[in-house]
PDB file of N, CA and C in Angstrom:
ATOM      1  N   MET A   1    -279.392  -0.555-131.890  1.00  0.00           N
ATOM      2  CA  MET A   1    -278.577  -1.004-131.275  1.00  0.00           C
ATOM      3  C   MET A   1    -277.183  -0.355-131.261  1.00  0.00           C
ATOM      4  N   ASN A   2    -276.542  -0.124-130.249  1.00  0.00           N
ATOM      5  CA  ASN A   2    -275.347   0.819-130.429  1.00  0.00           C
ATOM      6  C   ASN A   2    -274.186  -0.031-130.825  1.00  0.00           C
ATOM      7  N   THR A   3    -273.283   0.787-131.630  1.00  0.00           N
ATOM      8  CA  THR A   3    -272.105   0.085-131.936  1.00  0.00           C
ATOM      9  C   THR A   3    -271.001   0.624-131.390  1.00  0.00           C
ATOM     10  N   THR A   4    -269.937  -0.058-130.943  1.00  0.00           N
ATOM     11  CA  THR A   4    -268.807   0.483-130.151  1.00  0.00           C
ATOM     12  C   THR A   4    -267.754   0.691-131.050  1.00  0.00           C
ATOM     13  N   VAL A   5    -267.134   1.718-131.210  1.00  0.00           N
ATOM     14  CA  VAL A   5    -265.880   2.110-132.261  1.00  0.00           C
ATOM     15  C   VAL A   5    -264.716   2.285-131.350  1.00  0.00           C
ATOM     16  N   PHE A   6    -263.785   1.364-131.521  1.00  0.00           N
ATOM     17  CA  PHE A   6    -262.385   1.446-130.786  1.00  0.00           C
ATOM     18  C   PHE A   6    -261.576   2.171-131.598  1.00  0.00           C
ATOM     19  N   ASN A   7    -260.733   2.937-130.749  1.00  0.00           N
ATOM     20  CA  ASN A   7    -259.610   3.577-131.332  1.00  0.00           C
ATOM     21  C   ASN A   7    -258.423   2.861-131.476  1.00  0.00           C
ATOM     22  N   PRO A   8    -257.230   3.174-132.206  1.00  0.00           N
ATOM     23  CA  PRO A   8    -256.277   2.203-132.498  1.00  0.00           C
ATOM     24  C   PRO A   8    -255.579   1.702-131.066  1.00  0.00           C
ATOM     25  N   ALA A   9    -255.379   2.688-129.930  1.00  0.00           N
ATOM     26  CA  ALA A   9    -254.976   2.045-128.771  1.00  0.00           C
ATOM     27  C   ALA A   9    -255.878   1.049-128.251  1.00  0.00           C
ATOM     28  N   GLN A  10    -256.981   1.176-128.093  1.00  0.00           N
ATOM     29  CA  GLN A  10    -257.872   0.228-127.639  1.00  0.00           C
ATOM     30  C   GLN A  10    -257.976  -1.187-128.276  1.00  0.00           C
ATOM     31  N   LEU A  11    -257.699  -1.009-129.691  1.00  0.00           N
ATOM     32  CA  LEU A  11    -257.583  -2.247-130.515  1.00  0.00           C
ATOM     33  C   LEU A  11    -256.409  -3.037-130.142  1.00  0.00           C
ATOM     34  N   GLN A  12    -255.194  -2.448-130.167  1.00  0.00           N
ATOM     35  CA  GLN A  12    -253.886  -2.800-129.676  1.00  0.00           C
ATOM     36  C   GLN A  12    -254.025  -3.601-128.213  1.00  0.00           C
ATOM     37  N   VAL A  13    -254.593  -2.769-127.194  1.00  0.00           N
ATOM     38  CA  VAL A  13    -254.989  -3.411-125.930  1.00  0.00           C
ATOM     39  C   VAL A  13    -255.745  -4.937-126.153  1.00  0.00           C
ATOM     40  N   LEU A  14    -256.758  -4.784-126.913  1.00  0.00           N
ATOM     41  CA  LEU A  14    -257.640  -6.098-127.056  1.00  0.00           C
ATOM     42  C   LEU A  14    -256.751  -7.111-127.595  1.00  0.00           C
ATOM     43  N   GLU A  15    -255.774  -6.729-128.652  1.00  0.00           N
ATOM     44  CA  GLU A  15    -255.038  -7.728-129.181  1.00  0.00           C
ATOM     45  C   GLU A  15    -253.864  -8.524-128.359  1.00  0.00           C
ATOM     46  N   MET A  16    -253.543  -7.491-127.469  1.00  0.00           N
ATOM     47  CA  MET A  16    -252.481  -8.018-126.327  1.00  0.00           C
ATOM     48  C   MET A  16    -253.043  -8.935-125.404  1.00  0.00           C
ATOM     49  N   MET A  17    -254.087  -8.714-125.116  1.00  0.00           N
ATOM     50  CA  MET A  17    -254.978  -9.549-124.200  1.00  0.00           C
ATOM     51  C   MET A  17    -255.024 -10.898-124.581  1.00  0.00           C
ATOM     52  N   SER A  18    -254.801 -11.403-125.593  1.00  0.00           N
ATOM     53  CA  SER A  18    -254.877 -12.734-126.116  1.00  0.00           C
ATOM     54  C   SER A  18    -253.627 -13.417-125.713  1.00  0.00           C
ATOM     55  N   PHE A  19    -252.695 -12.655-125.300  1.00  0.00           N
ATOM     56  CA  PHE A  19    -251.583 -13.461-124.716  1.00  0.00           C
ATOM     57  C   PHE A  19    -251.747 -13.585-123.164  1.00  0.00           C
ATOM     58  N   VAL A  20    -252.687 -13.008-122.351  1.00  0.00           N
ATOM     59  CA  VAL A  20    -252.659 -13.140-121.118  1.00  0.00           C
ATOM     60  C   VAL A  20    -253.483 -14.468-120.806  1.00  0.00           C
ATOM     61  N   ASP A  21    -252.728 -15.252-120.405  1.00  0.00           N
ATOM     62  CA  ASP A  21    -253.052 -16.643-120.004  1.00  0.00           C
ATOM     63  C   ASP A  21    -253.238 -17.214-118.578  1.00  0.00           C
ATOM     64  N   SER A  22    -252.908 -16.291-117.741  1.00  0.00           N
ATOM     65  CA  SER A  22    -252.989 -16.504-116.413  1.00  0.00           C
ATOM     66  C   SER A  22    -253.267 -15.435-115.408  1.00  0.00           C
ATOM     67  N   PRO A  23    -253.950 -15.593-114.234  1.00  0.00           N
ATOM     68  CA  PRO A  23    -253.904 -14.302-113.251  1.00  0.00           C
ATOM     69  C   PRO A  23    -252.501 -13.701-113.089  1.00  0.00           C
ATOM     70  N   GLU A  24    -251.535 -14.349-113.077  1.00  0.00           N
ATOM     71  CA  GLU A  24    -250.079 -13.579-112.855  1.00  0.00           C
ATOM     72  C   GLU A  24    -249.937 -12.890-113.952  1.00  0.00           C
ATOM     73  N   ALA A  25    -250.118 -13.213-115.256  1.00  0.00           N
ATOM     74  CA  ALA A  25    -249.727 -12.413-116.359  1.00  0.00           C
ATOM     75  C   ALA A  25    -250.931 -11.236-116.429  1.00  0.00           C
ATOM     76  N   LEU A  26    -252.114 -11.460-116.098  1.00  0.00           N
ATOM     77  CA  LEU A  26    -252.884 -10.437-115.986  1.00  0.00           C
ATOM     78  C   LEU A  26    -252.371  -9.241-114.941  1.00  0.00           C
ATOM     79  N   ALA A  27    -252.121  -9.807-113.715  1.00  0.00           N
ATOM     80  CA  ALA A  27    -251.585  -8.837-112.540  1.00  0.00           C
ATOM     81  C   ALA A  27    -250.392  -8.031-113.327  1.00  0.00           C
ATOM     82  N   GLU A  28    -249.462  -8.690-114.154  1.00  0.00           N
ATOM     83  CA  GLU A  28    -248.388  -7.914-114.652  1.00  0.00           C
ATOM     84  C   GLU A  28    -248.622  -6.850-115.584  1.00  0.00           C
ATOM     85  N   LEU A  29    -249.621  -7.216-116.333  1.00  0.00           N
ATOM     86  CA  LEU A  29    -250.248  -6.155-117.395  1.00  0.00           C
ATOM     87  C   LEU A  29    -250.804  -4.980-116.597  1.00  0.00           C
ATOM     88  N   LYS A  30    -251.707  -5.389-115.582  1.00  0.00           N
ATOM     89  CA  LYS A  30    -252.175  -4.305-114.810  1.00  0.00           C
ATOM     90  C   LYS A  30    -251.325  -3.413-114.150  1.00  0.00           C
ATOM     91  N   LYS A  31    -250.178  -3.967-113.640  1.00  0.00           N
ATOM     92  CA  LYS A  31    -249.258  -3.225-113.031  1.00  0.00           C
ATOM     93  C   LYS A  31    -248.272  -2.456-114.020  1.00  0.00           C
ATOM     94  N   ALA A  32    -248.084  -2.941-115.189  1.00  0.00           N
ATOM     95  CA  ALA A  32    -247.363  -2.104-116.258  1.00  0.00           C
ATOM     96  C   ALA A  32    -248.349  -0.814-116.668  1.00  0.00           C
ATOM     97  N   ILE A  33    -249.612  -1.328-117.074  1.00  0.00           N
ATOM     98  CA  ILE A  33    -250.434  -0.036-117.426  1.00  0.00           C
ATOM     99  C   ILE A  33    -250.608   0.892-116.202  1.00  0.00           C
ATOM    100  N   SER A  34    -250.692   0.617-114.959  1.00  0.00           N
ATOM    101  CA  SER A  34    -250.864   1.429-113.782  1.00  0.00           C
ATOM    102  C   SER A  34    -249.439   2.154-113.698  1.00  0.00           C
ATOM    103  N   ASP A  35    -248.231   1.510-113.771  1.00  0.00           N
ATOM    104  CA  ASP A  35    -247.158   2.374-113.780  1.00  0.00           C
ATOM    105  C   ASP A  35    -246.824   3.462-114.874  1.00  0.00           C
ATOM    106  N   TYR A  36    -247.457   2.949-116.036  1.00  0.00           N
ATOM    107  CA  TYR A  36    -247.591   4.028-117.258  1.00  0.00           C
ATOM    108  C   TYR A  36    -248.313   5.391-117.031  1.00  0.00           C
ATOM    109  N   PHE A  37    -249.361   5.253-116.325  1.00  0.00           N
ATOM    110  CA  PHE A  37    -250.337   6.253-116.005  1.00  0.00           C
ATOM    111  C   PHE A  37    -249.772   7.014-114.707  1.00  0.00           C
ATOM    112  N   ALA A  38    -249.018   6.261-113.687  1.00  0.00           N
ATOM    113  CA  ALA A  38    -248.440   7.021-112.661  1.00  0.00           C
ATOM    114  C   ALA A  38    -247.410   7.872-113.170  1.00  0.00           C
ATOM    115  N   LYS A  39    -246.583   7.467-114.172  1.00  0.00           N
ATOM    116  CA  LYS A  39    -245.554   8.217-114.688  1.00  0.00           C
ATOM    117  C   LYS A  39    -246.044   9.268-115.433  1.00  0.00           C
ATOM    118  N   GLN A  40    -246.858   9.184-116.164  1.00  0.00           N
ATOM    119  CA  GLN A  40    -247.642  10.169-116.994  1.00  0.00           C
ATOM    120  C   GLN A  40    -248.310  11.461-115.955  1.00  0.00           C
ATOM    121  N   ALA A  41    -248.749  11.003-114.958  1.00  0.00           N
ATOM    122  CA  ALA A  41    -249.344  12.056-113.820  1.00  0.00           C
ATOM    123  C   ALA A  41    -248.143  12.685-113.243  1.00  0.00           C
ATOM    124  N   GLN A  42    -246.977  12.053-112.876  1.00  0.00           N
ATOM    125  CA  GLN A  42    -246.021  12.644-112.297  1.00  0.00           C
ATOM    126  C   GLN A  42    -245.341  13.739-113.348  1.00  0.00           C
ATOM    127  N   LYS A  43    -245.319  13.194-114.514  1.00  0.00           N
ATOM    128  CA  LYS A  43    -244.635  14.292-115.667  1.00  0.00           C
ATOM    129  C   LYS A  43    -245.751  15.557-115.418  1.00  0.00           C
ATOM    130  N   GLU A  44    -246.982  15.408-115.456  1.00  0.00           N
ATOM    131  CA  GLU A  44    -247.811  16.446-115.479  1.00  0.00           C
ATOM    132  C   GLU A  44    -247.758  17.436-114.019  1.00  0.00           C
ATOM    133  N   ILE A  45    -247.531  16.774-113.070  1.00  0.00           N
ATOM    134  CA  ILE A  45    -247.434  17.296-111.880  1.00  0.00           C
ATOM    135  C   ILE A  45    -245.991  18.166-111.864  1.00  0.00           C
ATOM    136  N   ASP A  46    -244.958  17.755-112.336  1.00  0.00           N
ATOM    137  CA  ASP A  46    -243.584  18.410-112.491  1.00  0.00           C
ATOM    138  C   ASP A  46    -243.838  19.680-113.377  1.00  0.00           C
ATOM    139  N   ARG A  47    -244.606  19.169-114.546  1.00  0.00           N
ATOM    140  CA  ARG A  47    -244.793  20.555-115.374  1.00  0.00           C
ATOM    141  C   ARG A  47    -245.352  21.519-114.794  1.00  0.00           C
ATOM    142  N   LEU A  48    -246.565  21.188-114.039  1.00  0.00           N
ATOM    143  CA  LEU A  48    -247.400  22.212-113.398  1.00  0.00           C
ATOM    144  C   LEU A  48    -246.372  23.054-112.351  1.00  0.00           C
ATOM    145  N   TRP A  49    -245.550  22.147-111.566  1.00  0.00           N
ATOM    146  CA  TRP A  49    -244.617  22.760-110.575  1.00  0.00           C
ATOM    147  C   TRP A  49    -243.623  23.812-111.149  1.00  0.00           C
ATOM    148  N   GLU A  50    -242.967  23.231-112.232  1.00  0.00           N
ATOM    149  CA  GLU A  50    -242.141  24.096-113.075  1.00  0.00           C
ATOM    150  C   GLU A  50    -242.619  25.245-113.406  1.00  0.00           C
ATOM    151  N   ASN A  51    -243.984  25.383-113.895  1.00  0.00           N
ATOM    152  CA  ASN A  51    -244.673  26.595-114.580  1.00  0.00           C
ATOM    153  C   ASN A  51    -245.292  27.331-113.369  1.00  0.00           C
ATOM    154  N   GLY A  52    -245.378  26.868-112.172  1.00  0.00           N
ATOM    155  CA  GLY A  52    -245.647  27.786-111.048  1.00  0.00           C
ATOM    156  C   GLY A  52    -247.184  27.690-111.115  1.00  0.00           C
ATOM    157  N   GLU A  53    -247.834  26.766-111.664  1.00  0.00           N
ATOM    158  CA  GLU A  53    -249.266  26.596-111.706  1.00  0.00           C
ATOM    159  C   GLU A  53    -249.482  25.858-110.415  1.00  0.00           C
ATOM    160  N   LEU A  54    -248.550  25.097-109.818  1.00  0.00           N
ATOM    161  CA  LEU A  54    -248.867  24.183-108.588  1.00  0.00           C
ATOM    162  C   LEU A  54    -247.486  24.772-107.543  1.00  0.00           C
ATOM    163  N   ASN A  55    -247.804  25.039-106.368  1.00  0.00           N
ATOM    164  CA  ASN A  55    -246.781  25.198-105.617  1.00  0.00           C
ATOM    165  C   ASN A  55    -247.285  24.809-104.103  1.00  0.00           C
ATOM    166  N   GLU A  56    -246.404  25.079-103.250  1.00  0.00           N
ATOM    167  CA  GLU A  56    -246.594  24.539-101.712  1.00  0.00           C
ATOM    168  C   GLU A  56    -247.898  24.910-101.221  1.00  0.00           C
ATOM    169  N   GLU A  57    -248.275  26.274-101.467  1.00  0.00           N
ATOM    170  CA  GLU A  57    -249.312  26.696-100.822  1.00  0.00           C
ATOM    171  C   GLU A  57    -250.546  26.097-101.336  1.00  0.00           C
ATOM    172  N   LYS A  58    -250.727  25.937-102.797  1.00  0.00           N
ATOM    173  CA  LYS A  58    -251.839  25.151-103.316  1.00  0.00           C
ATOM    174  C   LYS A  58    -251.998  23.696-103.058  1.00  0.00           C
ATOM    175  N   VAL A  59    -250.853  22.895-102.624  1.00  0.00           N
ATOM    176  CA  VAL A  59    -250.729  21.716-102.116  1.00  0.00           C
ATOM    177  C   VAL A  59    -251.297  21.634-100.754  1.00  0.00           C
ATOM    178  N   ASP A  60    -250.894  22.646 -99.950  1.00  0.00           N
ATOM    179  CA  ASP A  60    -251.368  22.616 -98.564  1.00  0.00           C
ATOM    180  C   ASP A  60    -253.151  22.958 -98.805  1.00  0.00           C
ATOM    181  N   LYS A  61    -253.499  23.578 -99.521  1.00  0.00           N
ATOM    182  CA  LYS A  61    -255.048  23.932 -99.435  1.00  0.00           C
ATOM    183  C   LYS A  61    -255.771  22.459 -99.788  1.00  0.00           C
ATOM    184  N   PHE A  62    -255.053  21.760-100.591  1.00  0.00           N
ATOM    185  CA  PHE A  62    -255.679  20.307-100.665  1.00  0.00           C
ATOM    186  C   PHE A  62    -256.001  19.688 -99.281  1.00  0.00           C
ATOM    187  N   TYR A  63    -255.118  19.904 -98.582  1.00  0.00           N
ATOM    188  CA  TYR A  63    -255.362  19.237 -97.087  1.00  0.00           C
ATOM    189  C   TYR A  63    -256.570  19.795 -96.313  1.00  0.00           C
ATOM    190  N   GLN A  64    -257.133  20.685 -96.638  1.00  0.00           N
ATOM    191  CA  GLN A  64    -258.426  21.391 -96.255  1.00  0.00           C
ATOM    192  C   GLN A  64    -259.722  21.408 -97.170  1.00  0.00           C
ATOM    193  N   LEU A  65    -259.349  20.841 -98.174  1.00  0.00           N
ATOM    194  CA  LEU A  65    -260.469  20.632 -99.079  1.00  0.00           C
ATOM    195  C   LEU A  65    -261.597  19.497 -98.774  1.00  0.00           C
ATOM    196  N   HIS A  66    -262.821  20.091 -98.800  1.00  0.00           N
ATOM    197  CA  HIS A  66    -263.918  18.918 -98.518  1.00  0.00           C
ATOM    198  C   HIS A  66    -264.988  19.079 -99.411  1.00  0.00           C
ATOM    199  N   GLU A  67    -264.853  18.313-100.349  1.00  0.00           N
ATOM    200  CA  GLU A  67    -265.610  18.148-101.477  1.00  0.00           C
ATOM    201  C   GLU A  67    -266.716  17.003-101.412  1.00  0.00           C
ATOM    202  N   ARG A  68    -267.747  17.474-101.185  1.00  0.00           N
ATOM    203  CA  ARG A  68    -268.721  16.118-101.041  1.00  0.00           C
ATOM    204  C   ARG A  68    -269.861  16.298-102.050  1.00  0.00           C
ATOM    205  N   THR A  69    -270.339  15.234-102.208  1.00  0.00           N
ATOM    206  CA  THR A  69    -271.536  15.088-103.164  1.00  0.00           C
ATOM    207  C   THR A  69    -272.734  15.527-102.524  1.00  0.00           C
ATOM    208  N   PRO A  70    -273.423  16.348-102.803  1.00  0.00           N
ATOM    209  CA  PRO A  70    -274.867  16.712-101.937  1.00  0.00           C
ATOM    210  C   PRO A  70    -275.819  15.551-102.344  1.00  0.00           C
ATOM    211  N   TYR A  71    -276.381  15.192-101.139  1.00  0.00           N
ATOM    212  CA  TYR A  71    -277.376  14.118-101.358  1.00  0.00           C
ATOM    213  C   TYR A  71    -278.751  14.766-100.843  1.00  0.00           C
ATOM    214  N   LYS A  72    -279.659  14.374-101.442  1.00  0.00           N
ATOM    215  CA  LYS A  72    -281.128  14.975-100.893  1.00  0.00           C
ATOM    216  C   LYS A  72    -281.752  14.065 -99.915  1.00  0.00           C
TER     217      LYS A  72
END
């Protein structure tokens, strides 16, 4: 049998889940978590832009990017 070891952040989220007592509360928690990760992603994009690792030319290349999963 495999055991799962939770890190401190996962344990904290599990503890917080005991306070989620309605679908509305769950929706609010999901939005808060989503907003957090969106903010983190935006910070990283800003950092890449400021360092020159991301620029308008690279962004334009994303529009032509066609990555597909090869199927047999």
